[in-house]
């Protein structure tokens, strides 16, 4: 039996108590409680995240292994490099951060995770993360083309750690452009690891890999000990983190 959180003062259990691989719900740690900023901060600080469907109680997860993207291992394929080079050139294309967070998370709520039919970003979760965003903890990285929101992602920043939650695209590769921009931002601000929660083929193709839970938590602890990022703005010069210079048109790469 997994523990049931009956009130705000019930602490999440040790992650080693999560259901093991091979069980019916590997990584499930606890159920119940509310999505308050205080509970969410406690959870993410322990490497725990909520994931549940409409009609279920809040379910708290700590999978082993854990899917991550180490920012220095991001795989920029030739096709994506060309796409970004073309994106950078026109005056109507830009990366924005926190320009329209609610639209981003709402669009993500309409995008099922790889291998799933429905959404896991239920209305209660949308409102909880919008409230957390207002406190400056949750951020959206957005791809804008000709004044329209074309794609993006959102996630949580604690210390020098970024927890990626979900992404969406209204145009081809728009979410990949946002992810590449996030990698640039993270490299420039000393964020070495982006949490991706669970393995997908899409993330693996971009350089994501799995870490044992103990190793993930060790790296997380180090990242949480650093000061959080203060300036959440995206300057186009950050594209240099992926090798794009002043003339992106020439940066087609190998």
Protein backbone atom coordinates (compact mmCIF):
# COMPACT_ATOMS: atom_id res chain seq x y z
CA UNK A 1 0.00 0.00 0.00
CA UNK A 2 1.25 3.46 -0.82
CA UNK A 3 0.88 6.23 1.82
CA UNK A 4 -2.09 8.61 1.66
CA UNK A 5 -1.40 12.29 2.33
CA UNK A 6 -4.28 13.49 4.51
CA UNK A 7 -3.20 17.05 5.20
CA UNK A 8 -0.63 19.72 4.37
CA UNK A 9 1.61 18.66 7.24
CA UNK A 10 1.97 15.05 6.03
CA UNK A 11 5.43 14.87 4.48
CA UNK A 12 6.06 12.91 1.32
CA UNK A 13 7.69 9.57 2.10
CA UNK A 14 11.28 8.66 1.29
CA UNK A 15 11.56 8.07 -2.46
CA UNK A 16 13.01 4.61 -1.82
CA UNK A 17 9.49 3.58 -0.84
CA UNK A 18 8.20 4.16 -4.37
CA UNK A 19 6.85 1.08 -6.11
CA UNK A 20 9.71 -0.76 -7.85
CA UNK A 21 10.24 -1.49 -11.55
CA UNK A 22 8.09 -4.42 -12.64
CA UNK A 23 5.18 -3.49 -10.37
CA UNK A 24 1.78 -2.32 -11.60
CA UNK A 25 2.74 1.35 -11.14
CA UNK A 26 6.54 1.62 -10.99
CA UNK A 27 7.63 4.84 -9.35
CA UNK A 28 4.34 5.59 -7.59
CA UNK A 29 5.19 7.01 -4.17
CA UNK A 30 2.06 8.44 -2.55
CA UNK A 31 -1.47 9.69 -3.18
CA UNK A 32 -3.63 12.53 -1.94
CA UNK A 33 -2.91 16.04 -0.83
CA UNK A 34 -3.28 19.28 -2.75
CA UNK A 35 -1.25 21.06 -5.39
CA UNK A 36 -0.26 24.02 -3.26
CA UNK A 37 3.00 25.89 -3.94
CA UNK A 38 4.31 24.58 -0.63
CA UNK A 39 3.56 20.95 -1.48
CA UNK A 40 4.89 21.31 -5.02
CA UNK A 41 8.11 22.88 -3.75
CA UNK A 42 8.56 20.03 -1.28
CA UNK A 43 7.89 17.47 -4.01
CA UNK A 44 10.19 18.83 -6.70
CA UNK A 45 12.95 19.44 -4.15
CA UNK A 46 12.83 15.68 -3.50
CA UNK A 47 12.63 14.78 -7.20
CA UNK A 48 8.93 13.91 -6.90
CA UNK A 49 6.25 15.11 -9.31
CA UNK A 50 2.44 14.85 -9.62
CA UNK A 51 0.93 12.89 -12.48
CA UNK A 52 -2.69 11.73 -12.58
CA UNK A 53 -5.84 11.76 -14.68
CA UNK A 54 -9.24 13.38 -14.30
CA UNK A 55 -11.22 11.74 -11.51
CA UNK A 56 -8.14 10.39 -9.72
CA UNK A 57 -6.58 11.73 -6.52
CA UNK A 58 -3.25 13.50 -6.86
CA UNK A 59 -0.63 10.80 -7.47
CA UNK A 60 3.03 11.47 -6.62
CA UNK A 61 5.83 9.77 -8.57
CA UNK A 62 9.55 9.11 -8.26
CA UNK A 63 10.55 6.73 -11.09
CA UNK A 64 13.76 4.74 -11.13
CA UNK A 65 15.53 5.23 -13.48
CA UNK A 66 14.88 8.90 -14.23
CA UNK A 67 14.98 10.44 -17.70
CA UNK A 68 17.11 13.58 -17.91
CA UNK A 69 18.74 15.79 -20.50
CA UNK A 70 22.23 16.86 -19.50
CA UNK A 71 22.57 20.20 -21.22
CA UNK A 72 26.11 19.51 -22.47
CA UNK A 73 24.81 16.31 -24.11
CA UNK A 74 22.01 17.92 -26.11
CA UNK A 75 22.07 16.42 -29.59
CA UNK A 76 21.59 19.07 -32.27
CA UNK A 77 20.95 17.10 -35.44
CA UNK A 78 21.77 18.59 -38.82
CA UNK A 79 18.09 19.00 -39.74
CA UNK A 80 17.27 20.84 -36.51
CA UNK A 81 20.39 23.00 -36.86
CA UNK A 82 19.21 24.08 -40.30
CA UNK A 83 15.72 24.75 -38.95
CA UNK A 84 17.08 26.94 -36.16
CA UNK A 85 19.40 28.79 -38.56
CA UNK A 86 16.39 29.64 -40.73
CA UNK A 87 14.34 30.57 -37.66
CA UNK A 88 16.97 32.99 -36.33
CA UNK A 89 17.26 35.05 -39.53
CA UNK A 90 13.78 36.56 -40.09
CA UNK A 91 12.84 39.58 -37.99
CA UNK A 92 9.43 38.02 -37.22
CA UNK A 93 10.85 34.97 -35.43
CA UNK A 94 11.79 35.12 -31.77
CA UNK A 95 12.06 33.24 -28.51
CA UNK A 96 10.15 34.69 -25.58
CA UNK A 97 10.10 33.58 -21.95
CA UNK A 98 6.95 33.93 -19.83
CA UNK A 99 5.19 36.03 -22.45
CA UNK A 100 1.95 34.02 -22.28
CA UNK A 101 2.31 31.24 -19.74
CA UNK A 102 -1.37 30.31 -19.51
CA UNK A 103 -1.62 29.83 -23.29
CA UNK A 104 1.45 27.60 -23.21
CA UNK A 105 0.26 25.31 -20.43
CA UNK A 106 -3.24 25.19 -21.95
CA UNK A 107 -1.78 24.16 -25.30
CA UNK A 108 0.37 21.55 -23.56
CA UNK A 109 -2.76 20.21 -21.84
CA UNK A 110 -4.18 19.45 -25.27
CA UNK A 111 -1.06 17.52 -26.32
CA UNK A 112 -0.97 13.89 -25.09
CA UNK A 113 2.33 12.47 -23.91
CA UNK A 114 4.08 10.06 -26.24
CA UNK A 115 2.31 6.70 -26.10
CA UNK A 116 -0.78 8.06 -24.30
CA UNK A 117 -4.26 8.90 -25.56
CA UNK A 118 -5.40 11.61 -23.16
CA UNK A 119 -3.95 14.53 -21.30
CA UNK A 120 -2.46 14.36 -17.82
CA UNK A 121 -2.52 18.15 -17.34
CA UNK A 122 -5.95 18.32 -15.75
CA UNK A 123 -7.66 21.68 -15.04
CA UNK A 124 -6.67 21.54 -11.36
CA UNK A 125 -3.03 21.19 -12.39
CA UNK A 126 -3.26 24.06 -14.87
CA UNK A 127 -4.51 26.42 -12.17
CA UNK A 128 -1.92 25.21 -9.65
CA UNK A 129 0.98 25.81 -12.03
CA UNK A 130 -0.40 29.16 -13.16
CA UNK A 131 -0.44 30.21 -9.48
CA UNK A 132 3.10 28.87 -9.04
CA UNK A 133 4.14 30.77 -12.17
CA UNK A 134 2.91 34.01 -10.59
CA UNK A 135 5.36 33.35 -7.76
CA UNK A 136 8.21 33.24 -10.28
CA UNK A 137 8.97 29.51 -10.03
CA UNK A 138 7.37 28.11 -13.20
CA UNK A 139 8.41 29.40 -16.63
CA UNK A 140 7.46 29.02 -20.26
CA UNK A 141 9.87 29.11 -23.20
CA UNK A 142 7.96 30.15 -26.30
CA UNK A 143 8.56 30.06 -30.06
CA UNK A 144 6.90 33.01 -31.80
CA UNK A 145 6.62 33.33 -35.58
CA UNK A 146 5.09 36.41 -37.23
CA UNK A 147 3.47 37.44 -33.97
CA UNK A 148 1.86 34.04 -33.36
CA UNK A 149 2.65 31.52 -30.63
CA UNK A 150 3.90 28.56 -32.68
CA UNK A 151 5.10 26.22 -29.92
CA UNK A 152 6.79 26.04 -26.57
CA UNK A 153 7.31 24.29 -23.27
CA UNK A 154 7.06 24.95 -19.56
CA UNK A 155 8.83 23.80 -16.44
CA UNK A 156 10.01 24.59 -12.93
CA UNK A 157 13.21 26.27 -11.76
CA UNK A 158 14.56 25.60 -8.28
CA UNK A 159 18.18 26.55 -7.62
CA UNK A 160 20.10 25.74 -10.80
CA UNK A 161 17.77 22.92 -11.74
CA UNK A 162 15.08 22.93 -14.42
CA UNK A 163 12.26 20.40 -14.36
CA UNK A 164 10.74 20.10 -17.84
CA UNK A 165 7.03 19.35 -17.77
CA UNK A 166 5.49 19.41 -21.25
CA UNK A 167 5.77 20.93 -24.72
CA UNK A 168 3.55 21.57 -27.73
CA UNK A 169 3.80 22.60 -31.38
CA UNK A 170 1.38 24.38 -33.68
CA UNK A 171 4.06 24.46 -36.39
CA UNK A 172 6.65 21.86 -37.39
CA UNK A 173 9.62 21.73 -34.98
CA UNK A 174 8.41 24.74 -32.96
CA UNK A 175 8.71 22.82 -29.68
CA UNK A 176 12.18 21.55 -30.63
CA UNK A 177 13.27 25.14 -31.27
CA UNK A 178 11.99 26.09 -27.81
CA UNK A 179 13.85 23.16 -26.25
CA UNK A 180 17.07 24.16 -28.03
CA UNK A 181 16.59 27.71 -26.73
CA UNK A 182 16.08 26.34 -23.22
CA UNK A 183 19.33 24.38 -23.53
CA UNK A 184 21.12 27.59 -24.57
CA UNK A 185 19.59 29.46 -21.62
CA UNK A 186 20.50 26.70 -19.18
CA UNK A 187 24.09 26.46 -20.39
CA UNK A 188 24.49 30.23 -20.03
CA UNK A 189 23.10 30.13 -16.47
CA UNK A 190 24.93 27.09 -15.14
CA UNK A 191 22.02 24.62 -15.31
CA UNK A 192 23.59 21.25 -16.07
CA UNK A 193 20.50 19.03 -15.99
CA UNK A 194 16.92 19.22 -17.22
CA UNK A 195 14.56 16.69 -15.67
CA UNK A 196 12.43 14.91 -18.27
CA UNK A 197 10.68 12.53 -15.83
CA UNK A 198 10.04 9.53 -18.08
CA UNK A 199 11.76 8.09 -21.11
CA UNK A 200 10.41 8.81 -24.59
CA UNK A 201 11.96 8.11 -27.96
CA UNK A 202 11.69 11.81 -28.83
CA UNK A 203 13.81 12.89 -25.85
CA UNK A 204 16.30 10.09 -26.39
CA UNK A 205 16.80 11.28 -29.98
CA UNK A 206 17.77 14.71 -28.63
CA UNK A 207 20.35 13.31 -26.22
CA UNK A 208 18.22 12.48 -23.19
CA UNK A 209 19.19 9.47 -21.11
CA UNK A 210 18.21 7.67 -17.96
CA UNK A 211 19.96 7.99 -14.61
CA UNK A 212 19.50 5.74 -11.58
CA UNK A 213 17.28 7.50 -9.04
CA UNK A 214 20.13 7.76 -6.52
CA UNK A 215 22.38 9.49 -9.06
CA UNK A 216 19.57 11.81 -10.15
CA UNK A 217 18.91 12.80 -6.54
CA UNK A 218 22.63 13.38 -5.92
CA UNK A 219 22.85 15.77 -8.87
CA UNK A 220 19.56 17.37 -7.89
CA UNK A 221 20.82 18.09 -4.38
CA UNK A 222 23.87 19.87 -5.76
CA UNK A 223 21.74 21.95 -8.15
CA UNK A 224 19.29 22.94 -5.42
CA UNK A 225 22.17 24.31 -3.34
CA UNK A 226 22.80 27.07 -5.89
CA UNK A 227 20.98 30.39 -6.18
CA UNK A 228 17.91 30.37 -8.45
CA UNK A 229 18.04 32.22 -11.75
CA UNK A 230 16.89 35.82 -11.43
CA UNK A 231 16.86 37.08 -15.02
CA UNK A 232 14.38 35.03 -17.05
CA UNK A 233 14.77 36.75 -20.39
CA UNK A 234 16.07 35.39 -23.68
CA UNK A 235 18.67 37.32 -25.63
CA UNK A 236 19.35 36.10 -29.20
CA UNK A 237 23.06 36.05 -28.39
CA UNK A 238 22.37 32.94 -26.30
CA UNK A 239 22.15 30.93 -29.54
CA UNK A 240 25.95 31.03 -29.49
CA UNK A 241 25.74 28.32 -26.83
CA UNK A 242 24.87 25.94 -29.69
CA UNK A 243 27.41 27.33 -32.12
CA UNK A 244 25.29 29.89 -33.92
CA UNK A 245 27.29 33.03 -34.56
CA UNK A 246 26.36 36.49 -35.74
CA UNK A 247 25.54 35.08 -39.20
CA UNK A 248 23.34 32.08 -38.42
CA UNK A 249 22.89 31.46 -42.12
CA UNK A 250 26.45 30.14 -42.28
CA UNK A 251 26.05 27.83 -39.26
CA UNK A 252 24.81 24.65 -40.91
CA UNK A 253 27.19 22.40 -38.97
CA UNK A 254 28.07 18.76 -39.55
